[in-house]
Amino acid sequence: MLPRVLQFDPRALARLLACLVFLGCTAEPAPGADAEPQPAPKSATGKWQTYKNERYAFKLSYPPDSQMHTRRDRSFQYVRIQNYPDGEERAAGLQPGEYFLEVFIFDHRAGHRIWSPCREWLREPRAVKAGKVNALRGVPQSTDDAGGNAFALCLQGVKVDVVVKATEADPQGALASRILDSVRFGN
């Protein structure tokens, strides 16, 4: 347990992160700000790590307290990054400060094909710059995300398609947005 001086209300911290990311601060306090202080969300502190994929020329940053898992499938390559212990039940949903990130890599040269075009896979897709390329960002059409809120970035290329999906408890997606903002292709 952190000393009382170092404890934060997770909702207030999420609001602060949202303000910093979107520059949309308001003077009103976060709901429940007068409640008993809670420990800081797991992902709020420390220097972030970088995942680099040299083969497909992309990278992204993620919180330091995370675990990474990779696997290859007949249909895609998969990377999962999460900040809660493996095997821990998520039936009750993600807790404040918890997240998981999924990266699906569809290499056309290996016969992999994305499920559907990015525009059909995302709700409210909007064009964003992700390093040297354009990508689409939005909310996945369908999710099975352990009670979390999912946000995604999708790139369709000539030789490879990449989907990066970040899921967290915060409906505003401050942590997910920070992760998706860090995605860079063509490095």
Protein backbone atom coordinates (compact mmCIF):
# COMPACT_ATOMS: atom_id res chain seq x y z
CA MET A 1 0.00 0.00 0.00
CA LEU A 2 1.29 3.45 -0.89
CA PRO A 3 1.70 6.08 1.81
CA ARG A 4 -1.38 8.31 1.92
CA VAL A 5 0.60 11.21 0.42
CA LEU A 6 1.27 9.18 -2.77
CA GLN A 7 -2.30 7.90 -3.28
CA PHE A 8 -4.50 9.22 -6.10
CA ASP A 9 -8.15 8.92 -7.03
CA PRO A 10 -8.01 6.82 -10.24
CA ARG A 11 -10.91 8.78 -11.77
CA ALA A 12 -9.16 12.09 -11.12
CA LEU A 13 -5.93 10.72 -12.59
CA ALA A 14 -7.78 9.39 -15.66
CA ARG A 15 -9.36 12.83 -16.10
CA LEU A 16 -5.96 14.50 -15.81
CA LEU A 17 -4.51 12.12 -18.42
CA ALA A 18 -7.46 12.83 -20.72
CA CYS A 19 -6.85 16.55 -20.28
CA LEU A 20 -3.19 16.16 -21.14
CA VAL A 21 -3.89 13.98 -24.17
CA PHE A 22 -6.80 15.95 -25.61
CA LEU A 23 -6.22 19.39 -24.04
CA GLY A 24 -9.88 19.34 -23.04
CA CYS A 25 -9.59 20.28 -19.37
CA THR A 26 -12.43 21.85 -17.45
CA ALA A 27 -12.41 23.39 -14.01
CA GLU A 28 -15.05 21.05 -12.57
CA PRO A 29 -13.81 18.29 -10.25
CA ALA A 30 -14.09 14.67 -11.24
CA PRO A 31 -17.15 12.85 -9.86
CA GLY A 32 -16.36 11.41 -6.45
CA ALA A 33 -13.23 13.54 -6.07
CA ASP A 34 -14.02 14.00 -2.40
CA ALA A 35 -14.09 10.22 -1.87
CA GLU A 36 -11.36 8.31 -0.04
CA PRO A 37 -8.13 8.39 -2.10
CA GLN A 38 -7.31 5.19 -4.00
CA PRO A 39 -3.96 3.83 -5.14
CA ALA A 40 -2.69 5.16 -8.47
CA PRO A 41 -3.61 3.05 -11.48
CA LYS A 42 -0.94 0.48 -12.25
CA SER A 43 0.03 2.07 -15.58
CA ALA A 44 0.33 5.66 -14.41
CA THR A 45 3.95 5.71 -13.31
CA GLY A 46 7.40 4.88 -14.67
CA LYS A 47 9.14 5.15 -18.02
CA TRP A 48 7.24 3.43 -20.79
CA GLN A 49 8.74 0.55 -22.75
CA THR A 50 8.84 0.28 -26.55
CA TYR A 51 7.84 -2.71 -28.62
CA LYS A 52 9.62 -2.67 -32.00
CA ASN A 53 8.84 -4.97 -34.87
CA GLU A 54 11.70 -4.63 -37.35
CA ARG A 55 10.21 -7.03 -39.90
CA TYR A 56 7.02 -4.98 -40.33
CA ALA A 57 8.64 -1.60 -39.51
CA PHE A 58 6.45 -0.42 -36.66
CA LYS A 59 6.75 0.38 -32.99
CA LEU A 60 4.56 1.38 -30.07
CA SER A 61 5.00 2.33 -26.42
CA TYR A 62 3.31 0.74 -23.41
CA PRO A 63 3.38 1.04 -19.59
CA PRO A 64 6.39 -0.43 -17.75
CA ASP A 65 4.47 -2.84 -15.52
CA SER A 66 3.28 -4.95 -18.46
CA GLN A 67 3.82 -8.50 -19.68
CA MET A 68 4.18 -9.43 -23.36
CA HIS A 69 3.15 -12.60 -25.16
CA THR A 70 3.58 -13.42 -28.84
CA ARG A 71 2.38 -16.25 -31.05
CA ARG A 72 1.97 -17.16 -34.68
CA ASP A 73 -1.23 -18.56 -36.05
CA ARG A 74 -2.16 -19.82 -39.50
CA SER A 75 -4.23 -16.67 -40.02
CA PHE A 76 -2.10 -13.97 -38.35
CA GLN A 77 0.72 -13.14 -35.96
CA TYR A 78 -0.32 -11.97 -32.52
CA VAL A 79 1.20 -9.84 -29.76
CA ARG A 80 -0.57 -9.29 -26.44
CA ILE A 81 0.61 -6.83 -23.81
CA GLN A 82 -1.21 -6.56 -20.46
CA ASN A 83 -0.59 -5.19 -16.99
CA TYR A 84 -2.31 -7.81 -14.85
CA PRO A 85 -1.09 -11.33 -13.98
CA ASP A 86 -1.55 -14.15 -16.47
CA GLY A 87 -4.44 -16.45 -15.73
CA GLU A 88 -6.12 -13.91 -13.45
CA GLU A 89 -9.88 -14.03 -13.97
CA ARG A 90 -11.44 -11.07 -15.75
CA ALA A 91 -15.06 -12.18 -15.31
CA ALA A 92 -15.76 -9.02 -13.29
CA GLY A 93 -14.10 -6.88 -15.95
CA LEU A 94 -10.95 -4.84 -16.02
CA GLN A 95 -10.14 -2.86 -12.89
CA PRO A 96 -9.21 0.85 -13.00
CA GLY A 97 -5.70 1.23 -14.44
CA GLU A 98 -5.69 -2.25 -16.02
CA TYR A 99 -5.46 -2.69 -19.77
CA PHE A 100 -4.55 -5.14 -22.47
CA LEU A 101 -3.26 -4.46 -25.93
CA GLU A 102 -3.60 -6.80 -28.89
CA VAL A 103 -1.65 -6.48 -32.12
CA PHE A 104 -2.79 -8.59 -35.08
CA ILE A 105 -0.35 -8.76 -38.01
CA PHE A 106 -1.67 -10.12 -41.30
CA ASP A 107 1.26 -10.83 -43.62
CA HIS A 108 -0.12 -11.28 -47.15
CA ARG A 109 3.08 -13.09 -48.21
CA ALA A 110 2.29 -15.79 -45.63
CA GLY A 111 -1.32 -16.07 -46.85
CA HIS A 112 -2.80 -14.07 -43.96
CA ARG A 113 -5.87 -11.94 -44.68
CA ILE A 114 -7.58 -9.41 -42.43
CA TRP A 115 -11.21 -10.27 -41.52
CA SER A 116 -12.65 -7.28 -43.37
CA PRO A 117 -11.41 -3.91 -44.63
CA CYS A 118 -10.50 -1.45 -41.86
CA ARG A 119 -13.43 0.83 -42.73
CA GLU A 120 -15.85 -2.05 -42.09
CA TRP A 121 -14.02 -3.32 -39.01
CA LEU A 122 -14.16 0.04 -37.18
CA ARG A 123 -17.10 2.18 -36.08
CA GLU A 124 -16.65 5.89 -36.75
CA PRO A 125 -13.24 5.43 -38.46
CA ARG A 126 -11.14 8.55 -38.87
CA ALA A 127 -7.90 9.00 -40.76
CA VAL A 128 -4.78 9.51 -38.63
CA LYS A 129 -1.08 9.75 -39.33
CA ALA A 130 0.85 6.88 -37.74
CA GLY A 131 4.47 7.69 -38.45
CA LYS A 132 5.11 7.69 -42.19
CA VAL A 133 1.75 6.19 -43.17
CA ASN A 134 -1.95 6.91 -42.91
CA ALA A 135 -4.12 4.64 -40.83
CA LEU A 136 -7.68 4.54 -39.50
CA ARG A 137 -8.62 4.89 -35.87
CA GLY A 138 -11.92 4.19 -34.16
CA VAL A 139 -13.85 1.70 -32.08
CA PRO A 140 -14.02 -1.98 -33.10
CA GLN A 141 -17.44 -3.01 -34.46
CA SER A 142 -17.65 -5.97 -32.12
CA THR A 143 -15.72 -6.68 -28.96
CA ASP A 144 -15.42 -9.40 -26.37
CA ASP A 145 -13.32 -7.42 -23.98
CA ALA A 146 -13.80 -8.57 -20.38
CA GLY A 147 -15.94 -5.60 -19.45
CA GLY A 148 -13.53 -3.03 -20.88
CA ASN A 149 -13.74 -0.32 -23.51
CA ALA A 150 -11.90 -1.00 -26.75
CA PHE A 151 -10.22 1.44 -29.12
CA ALA A 152 -8.29 0.51 -32.26
CA LEU A 153 -5.93 1.60 -35.00
CA CYS A 154 -5.92 -0.22 -38.34
CA LEU A 155 -3.42 -0.06 -41.20
CA GLN A 156 -3.97 -1.78 -44.54
CA GLY A 157 -0.92 -2.08 -46.72
CA VAL A 158 0.13 -3.81 -49.91
CA LYS A 159 2.08 -6.56 -48.11
CA VAL A 160 0.75 -6.38 -44.55
CA ASP A 161 -2.27 -5.28 -42.52
CA VAL A 162 -1.88 -4.42 -38.83
CA VAL A 163 -4.63 -3.95 -36.25
CA VAL A 164 -3.71 -2.54 -32.82
CA LYS A 165 -6.53 -2.82 -30.28
CA ALA A 166 -6.26 -1.32 -26.78
CA THR A 167 -8.84 -2.18 -24.09
CA GLU A 168 -9.17 -0.60 -20.66
CA ALA A 169 -11.78 0.06 -17.96
CA ASP A 170 -11.92 3.85 -18.50
CA PRO A 171 -14.71 4.70 -20.99
CA GLN A 172 -12.78 7.81 -22.06
CA GLY A 173 -9.82 5.63 -23.04
CA ALA A 174 -7.03 7.91 -21.80
CA LEU A 175 -4.51 5.07 -21.46
CA ALA A 176 -5.64 3.38 -24.69
CA SER A 177 -5.35 6.72 -26.51
CA ARG A 178 -1.83 7.26 -25.23
CA ILE A 179 -0.82 3.80 -26.45
CA LEU A 180 -2.49 4.22 -29.86
CA ASP A 181 -0.95 7.70 -30.23
CA SER A 182 2.48 6.08 -29.84
CA VAL A 183 2.06 3.69 -32.81
CA ARG A 184 4.50 4.52 -35.61
CA PHE A 185 4.86 2.71 -38.93
CA GLY A 186 7.79 3.05 -41.28
CA ASN A 187 10.45 3.55 -38.58
